[in-house]
């Protein structure tokens, strides 16, 4: 009974003291209210346009790099380069061909086994 009573006082003491949390730190917080977001800028303007172009370039780089790796894997396992990119899908090296960025197309050179992205 005595140990249960001591435990109860200990728990009550921790709850009341906030487990040693210093209340002074809460007085230093700043509340910021968000203002409504401005409408998005056109894709070709300033920072947002640069970010959009950078994202498209990153996507192109990742897609082309992974496709080139799959072409090399195909070459290693099959002993030849694929005739076209659809052969990578047919032989299940990739699930499907990635969609190129807007205004671009995937170009495959079967002689060198290189994939690139070019304007349409």
N, C-alpha and C. Protein backbone atom coordinates (compact mmCIF):
# COMPACT_ATOMS: atom_id res chain seq x y z
N UNK A 1 0.82 -1.18 0.00
CA UNK A 1 0.00 0.00 0.00
C UNK A 1 0.87 1.25 0.00
N UNK A 2 1.95 1.21 0.81
CA UNK A 2 2.82 2.35 0.91
C UNK A 2 3.54 2.61 -0.42
N UNK A 3 3.96 1.53 -1.13
CA UNK A 3 4.66 1.70 -2.41
C UNK A 3 3.70 2.22 -3.49
N UNK A 4 2.44 1.82 -3.47
CA UNK A 4 1.46 2.31 -4.43
C UNK A 4 1.19 3.79 -4.19
N UNK A 5 1.15 4.19 -2.96
CA UNK A 5 0.93 5.59 -2.62
C UNK A 5 2.12 6.44 -3.07
N UNK A 6 3.34 5.92 -2.87
CA UNK A 6 4.54 6.64 -3.30
C UNK A 6 4.58 6.77 -4.82
N UNK A 7 4.19 5.71 -5.50
CA UNK A 7 4.18 5.74 -6.96
C UNK A 7 3.17 6.76 -7.46
N UNK A 8 2.01 6.82 -6.81
CA UNK A 8 0.98 7.77 -7.19
C UNK A 8 1.47 9.21 -7.01
N UNK A 9 2.16 9.49 -5.89
CA UNK A 9 2.71 10.82 -5.67
C UNK A 9 3.81 11.15 -6.69
N UNK A 10 4.60 10.15 -7.03
CA UNK A 10 5.67 10.36 -8.01
C UNK A 10 5.08 10.71 -9.38
N UNK A 11 4.06 9.96 -9.82
CA UNK A 11 3.41 10.22 -11.11
C UNK A 11 2.75 11.59 -11.08
N UNK A 12 2.05 11.91 -9.99
CA UNK A 12 1.40 13.21 -9.88
C UNK A 12 2.43 14.33 -9.92
N UNK A 13 3.56 14.14 -9.28
CA UNK A 13 4.61 15.16 -9.28
C UNK A 13 5.18 15.38 -10.68
N UNK A 14 5.37 14.29 -11.42
CA UNK A 14 5.88 14.41 -12.79
C UNK A 14 4.89 15.13 -13.69
N UNK A 15 3.61 14.81 -13.53
CA UNK A 15 2.58 15.45 -14.35
C UNK A 15 2.51 16.94 -14.05
N UNK A 16 2.56 17.29 -12.77
CA UNK A 16 2.47 18.69 -12.39
C UNK A 16 3.69 19.50 -12.82
N UNK A 17 4.86 18.88 -12.80
CA UNK A 17 6.06 19.61 -13.19
C UNK A 17 6.30 19.56 -14.69
N UNK A 18 5.53 18.77 -15.39
CA UNK A 18 5.70 18.70 -16.85
C UNK A 18 6.93 17.93 -17.24
N UNK A 19 7.32 16.97 -16.44
CA UNK A 19 8.48 16.11 -16.71
C UNK A 19 9.75 16.94 -16.89
N UNK A 20 9.87 18.02 -16.15
CA UNK A 20 11.07 18.83 -16.18
C UNK A 20 11.11 19.81 -17.34
N UNK A 21 10.02 19.98 -18.04
CA UNK A 21 9.98 20.89 -19.18
C UNK A 21 10.01 22.32 -18.66
N UNK A 22 10.82 23.13 -19.26
CA UNK A 22 10.96 24.53 -18.86
C UNK A 22 9.89 25.35 -19.56
N UNK A 23 9.01 25.99 -18.80
CA UNK A 23 7.93 26.77 -19.37
C UNK A 23 8.45 28.06 -20.01
N UNK A 24 9.65 28.49 -19.70
CA UNK A 24 10.18 29.73 -20.26
C UNK A 24 10.39 29.61 -21.76
N UNK A 25 10.67 28.40 -22.24
CA UNK A 25 10.91 28.23 -23.68
C UNK A 25 9.64 28.46 -24.49
N UNK A 26 8.49 28.24 -23.88
CA UNK A 26 7.26 28.43 -24.62
C UNK A 26 6.92 29.92 -24.79
N UNK A 27 7.51 30.79 -23.97
CA UNK A 27 7.24 32.21 -24.10
C UNK A 27 8.03 32.83 -25.25
N UNK A 28 9.04 32.13 -25.77
CA UNK A 28 9.88 32.65 -26.84
C UNK A 28 9.38 32.24 -28.22
N UNK A 29 8.25 31.59 -28.32
CA UNK A 29 7.76 31.15 -29.62
C UNK A 29 7.09 32.29 -30.34
N UNK A 30 7.12 32.23 -31.64
CA UNK A 30 6.50 33.25 -32.49
C UNK A 30 5.42 32.59 -33.32
N UNK A 31 4.28 33.22 -33.39
CA UNK A 31 3.19 32.70 -34.19
C UNK A 31 3.16 33.47 -35.50
N UNK A 32 3.16 32.71 -36.60
CA UNK A 32 3.13 33.31 -37.92
C UNK A 32 1.86 32.85 -38.60
N UNK A 33 1.10 33.80 -39.08
CA UNK A 33 -0.11 33.43 -39.82
C UNK A 33 0.21 33.51 -41.31
N UNK A 34 -0.22 32.49 -42.01
CA UNK A 34 0.06 32.42 -43.44
C UNK A 34 -0.90 33.31 -44.21
N UNK A 35 -0.34 34.06 -45.12
CA UNK A 35 -1.18 34.86 -46.00
C UNK A 35 -1.55 34.02 -47.20
N UNK A 36 -2.61 34.38 -47.90
CA UNK A 36 -2.98 33.58 -49.06
C UNK A 36 -1.85 33.54 -50.07
N UNK A 37 -1.66 32.38 -50.68
CA UNK A 37 -0.58 32.21 -51.66
C UNK A 37 -0.90 33.00 -52.92
N UNK A 38 0.11 33.63 -53.50
CA UNK A 38 -0.13 34.34 -54.76
C UNK A 38 -0.39 33.35 -55.88
N UNK A 39 -1.05 33.78 -56.92
CA UNK A 39 -1.30 32.85 -58.02
C UNK A 39 0.01 32.43 -58.66
N UNK A 40 0.09 31.19 -59.18
CA UNK A 40 1.34 30.73 -59.76
C UNK A 40 1.73 31.56 -60.98
N UNK A 41 3.02 31.78 -61.11
CA UNK A 41 3.54 32.54 -62.25
C UNK A 41 3.59 31.63 -63.47
N UNK A 42 3.55 32.20 -64.66
CA UNK A 42 3.70 31.39 -65.86
C UNK A 42 5.02 30.62 -65.83
N UNK A 43 5.05 29.46 -66.47
CA UNK A 43 6.20 28.57 -66.40
C UNK A 43 7.48 29.20 -66.93
N UNK A 44 7.40 30.16 -67.82
CA UNK A 44 8.60 30.73 -68.40
C UNK A 44 9.16 31.90 -67.62
N UNK A 45 8.54 32.29 -66.53
CA UNK A 45 8.95 33.49 -65.82
C UNK A 45 9.81 33.17 -64.61
N UNK A 46 10.92 33.84 -64.50
CA UNK A 46 11.74 33.88 -63.30
C UNK A 46 12.04 32.56 -62.63
N UNK A 47 11.94 32.60 -61.33
CA UNK A 47 12.32 31.48 -60.49
C UNK A 47 11.48 30.24 -60.78
N UNK A 48 10.17 30.40 -60.86
CA UNK A 48 9.30 29.25 -61.09
C UNK A 48 9.59 28.61 -62.44
N UNK A 49 9.84 29.41 -63.45
CA UNK A 49 10.17 28.87 -64.76
C UNK A 49 11.48 28.12 -64.73
N UNK A 50 12.46 28.65 -64.01
CA UNK A 50 13.75 27.97 -63.88
C UNK A 50 13.59 26.65 -63.14
N UNK A 51 12.77 26.65 -62.11
CA UNK A 51 12.54 25.42 -61.35
C UNK A 51 11.84 24.37 -62.21
N UNK A 52 10.89 24.79 -63.02
CA UNK A 52 10.18 23.86 -63.91
C UNK A 52 11.14 23.25 -64.92
N UNK A 53 11.98 24.09 -65.50
CA UNK A 53 12.96 23.59 -66.47
C UNK A 53 13.95 22.65 -65.81
N UNK A 54 14.39 22.97 -64.60
CA UNK A 54 15.34 22.11 -63.87
C UNK A 54 14.70 20.77 -63.55
N UNK A 55 13.43 20.78 -63.16
CA UNK A 55 12.75 19.53 -62.87
C UNK A 55 12.62 18.68 -64.12
N UNK A 56 12.28 19.29 -65.24
CA UNK A 56 12.17 18.54 -66.48
C UNK A 56 13.52 17.96 -66.89
N UNK A 57 14.60 18.72 -66.71
CA UNK A 57 15.92 18.23 -67.03
C UNK A 57 16.30 17.06 -66.13
N UNK A 58 15.97 17.15 -64.85
CA UNK A 58 16.27 16.06 -63.92
C UNK A 58 15.50 14.80 -64.30
N UNK A 59 14.24 14.96 -64.68
CA UNK A 59 13.43 13.81 -65.09
C UNK A 59 14.02 13.19 -66.34
N UNK A 60 14.40 14.03 -67.31
CA UNK A 60 15.00 13.52 -68.54
C UNK A 60 16.27 12.75 -68.23
N UNK A 61 17.11 13.30 -67.35
CA UNK A 61 18.37 12.66 -67.03
C UNK A 61 18.15 11.31 -66.37
N UNK A 62 17.22 11.24 -65.43
CA UNK A 62 16.94 9.98 -64.74
C UNK A 62 16.38 8.95 -65.71
N UNK A 63 15.40 9.34 -66.52
CA UNK A 63 14.81 8.39 -67.46
C UNK A 63 15.83 7.89 -68.46
N UNK A 64 16.64 8.78 -69.02
CA UNK A 64 17.63 8.39 -70.02
C UNK A 64 18.70 7.51 -69.39
N UNK A 65 19.14 7.85 -68.19
CA UNK A 65 20.16 7.06 -67.51
C UNK A 65 19.66 5.65 -67.23
N UNK A 66 18.45 5.54 -66.70
CA UNK A 66 17.92 4.21 -66.39
C UNK A 66 17.68 3.40 -67.66
N UNK A 67 17.21 4.05 -68.72
CA UNK A 67 17.02 3.33 -69.98
C UNK A 67 18.35 2.86 -70.55
N UNK A 68 19.38 3.69 -70.49
CA UNK A 68 20.70 3.28 -70.98
C UNK A 68 21.24 2.11 -70.16
N UNK A 69 20.99 2.09 -68.87
CA UNK A 69 21.42 0.97 -68.03
C UNK A 69 20.69 -0.31 -68.43
N UNK A 70 19.40 -0.19 -68.71
CA UNK A 70 18.63 -1.37 -69.12
C UNK A 70 19.08 -1.87 -70.49
N UNK A 71 19.45 -0.97 -71.38
CA UNK A 71 19.98 -1.38 -72.69
C UNK A 71 21.27 -2.16 -72.50
N UNK A 72 22.15 -1.68 -71.61
CA UNK A 72 23.40 -2.39 -71.36
C UNK A 72 23.17 -3.74 -70.69
N UNK A 73 22.20 -3.81 -69.79
CA UNK A 73 21.84 -5.08 -69.17
C UNK A 73 21.32 -6.06 -70.21
N UNK A 74 20.47 -5.57 -71.10
CA UNK A 74 19.95 -6.39 -72.20
C UNK A 74 21.12 -6.91 -73.04
N UNK A 75 22.06 -6.04 -73.38
CA UNK A 75 23.21 -6.42 -74.19
C UNK A 75 24.04 -7.50 -73.49
N UNK A 76 24.22 -7.35 -72.19
CA UNK A 76 25.01 -8.32 -71.43
C UNK A 76 24.30 -9.67 -71.39
N UNK A 77 23.01 -9.68 -71.13
CA UNK A 77 22.29 -10.93 -70.95
C UNK A 77 21.88 -11.59 -72.27
N UNK A 78 21.56 -10.79 -73.28
CA UNK A 78 21.10 -11.34 -74.55
C UNK A 78 22.23 -11.47 -75.58
N UNK A 79 23.34 -10.81 -75.35
CA UNK A 79 24.47 -10.88 -76.27
C UNK A 79 24.32 -9.97 -77.48
N UNK A 80 23.38 -9.06 -77.45
CA UNK A 80 23.17 -8.12 -78.54
C UNK A 80 22.41 -6.92 -78.01
N UNK A 81 22.42 -5.84 -78.77
CA UNK A 81 21.65 -4.65 -78.41
C UNK A 81 20.21 -4.83 -78.86
N UNK A 82 19.26 -4.25 -78.15
CA UNK A 82 17.87 -4.35 -78.60
C UNK A 82 17.66 -3.59 -79.91
N UNK A 83 16.74 -4.09 -80.72
CA UNK A 83 16.44 -3.44 -82.01
C UNK A 83 15.74 -2.11 -81.79
N UNK A 84 14.87 -2.06 -80.77
CA UNK A 84 14.20 -0.82 -80.39
C UNK A 84 13.88 -0.88 -78.91
N UNK A 85 13.39 0.22 -78.37
CA UNK A 85 13.11 0.28 -76.93
C UNK A 85 11.95 -0.61 -76.52
N UNK A 86 11.05 -0.88 -77.44
CA UNK A 86 9.91 -1.75 -77.12
C UNK A 86 10.37 -3.17 -76.80
N UNK A 87 11.53 -3.56 -77.30
CA UNK A 87 12.06 -4.89 -77.00
C UNK A 87 12.42 -5.02 -75.52
N UNK A 88 12.79 -3.90 -74.89
CA UNK A 88 13.04 -3.91 -73.44
C UNK A 88 11.77 -4.24 -72.67
N UNK A 89 10.65 -3.74 -73.16
CA UNK A 89 9.36 -4.01 -72.52
C UNK A 89 8.94 -5.46 -72.80
N UNK A 90 9.09 -5.89 -74.06
CA UNK A 90 8.69 -7.24 -74.44
C UNK A 90 9.44 -8.31 -73.65
N UNK A 91 10.72 -8.09 -73.40
CA UNK A 91 11.54 -9.07 -72.66
C UNK A 91 11.54 -8.79 -71.17
N UNK A 92 10.71 -7.86 -70.73
CA UNK A 92 10.47 -7.54 -69.32
C UNK A 92 11.70 -6.99 -68.59
N UNK A 93 12.51 -6.22 -69.30
CA UNK A 93 13.59 -5.50 -68.64
C UNK A 93 13.05 -4.25 -67.95
N UNK A 94 11.99 -3.68 -68.52
CA UNK A 94 11.27 -2.57 -67.90
C UNK A 94 9.78 -2.84 -68.03
N UNK A 95 9.00 -2.25 -67.15
CA UNK A 95 7.55 -2.45 -67.19
C UNK A 95 6.89 -1.75 -68.36
N UNK A 96 7.30 -0.50 -68.59
CA UNK A 96 6.79 0.27 -69.71
C UNK A 96 7.77 1.39 -70.01
N UNK A 97 7.70 1.91 -71.21
CA UNK A 97 8.57 3.02 -71.57
C UNK A 97 8.12 4.28 -70.84
N UNK A 98 9.04 5.03 -70.26
CA UNK A 98 8.65 6.27 -69.58
C UNK A 98 8.20 7.31 -70.60
N UNK A 99 7.26 8.11 -70.20
CA UNK A 99 6.79 9.18 -71.07
C UNK A 99 7.84 10.28 -71.11
N UNK A 100 8.20 10.74 -72.30
CA UNK A 100 9.17 11.83 -72.37
C UNK A 100 8.52 13.13 -71.90
N UNK A 101 9.33 14.11 -71.51
CA UNK A 101 8.77 15.40 -71.12
C UNK A 101 8.01 16.04 -72.28
N UNK A 102 7.16 16.98 -71.96
CA UNK A 102 6.33 17.64 -72.96
C UNK A 102 7.22 18.28 -74.02
N UNK A 103 6.89 18.04 -75.29
CA UNK A 103 7.63 18.61 -76.39
C UNK A 103 8.90 17.87 -76.75
N UNK A 104 9.14 16.73 -76.11
CA UNK A 104 10.35 15.96 -76.34
C UNK A 104 9.98 14.54 -76.77
N UNK A 105 10.96 13.80 -77.28
CA UNK A 105 10.74 12.41 -77.64
C UNK A 105 12.00 11.62 -77.30
N UNK A 106 11.81 10.31 -77.04
CA UNK A 106 12.93 9.42 -76.79
C UNK A 106 13.51 8.99 -78.12
N UNK A 107 14.82 9.04 -78.22
CA UNK A 107 15.51 8.64 -79.44
C UNK A 107 16.47 7.52 -79.07
N UNK A 108 16.38 6.39 -79.78
CA UNK A 108 17.25 5.24 -79.52
C UNK A 108 18.10 4.96 -80.76
N UNK A 109 19.41 4.86 -80.55
CA UNK A 109 20.34 4.51 -81.62
C UNK A 109 20.70 3.04 -81.43
N UNK A 110 20.15 2.13 -82.28
CA UNK A 110 20.40 0.70 -82.08
C UNK A 110 21.85 0.28 -82.41
N UNK A 111 22.57 1.10 -83.15
CA UNK A 111 23.95 0.76 -83.49
C UNK A 111 24.86 0.97 -82.28
N UNK A 112 24.69 2.12 -81.59
CA UNK A 112 25.50 2.41 -80.41
C UNK A 112 24.85 1.95 -79.11
N UNK A 113 23.55 1.70 -79.14
CA UNK A 113 22.83 1.30 -77.93
C UNK A 113 22.67 2.45 -76.96
N UNK A 114 22.42 3.64 -77.46
CA UNK A 114 22.27 4.83 -76.62
C UNK A 114 20.88 5.41 -76.75
N UNK A 115 20.32 5.82 -75.61
CA UNK A 115 19.02 6.48 -75.56
C UNK A 115 19.26 7.94 -75.23
N UNK A 116 18.54 8.82 -75.93
CA UNK A 116 18.63 10.25 -75.65
C UNK A 116 17.24 10.87 -75.79
N UNK A 117 17.14 12.10 -75.39
CA UNK A 117 15.90 12.85 -75.50
C UNK A 117 16.15 14.00 -76.46
N UNK A 118 15.23 14.18 -77.41
CA UNK A 118 15.37 15.24 -78.41
C UNK A 118 14.05 15.96 -78.57
N UNK A 119 14.10 17.20 -79.02
CA UNK A 119 12.85 17.92 -79.30
C UNK A 119 12.07 17.24 -80.41
N UNK A 120 10.76 17.35 -80.35
CA UNK A 120 9.92 16.72 -81.39
C UNK A 120 9.97 17.48 -82.67
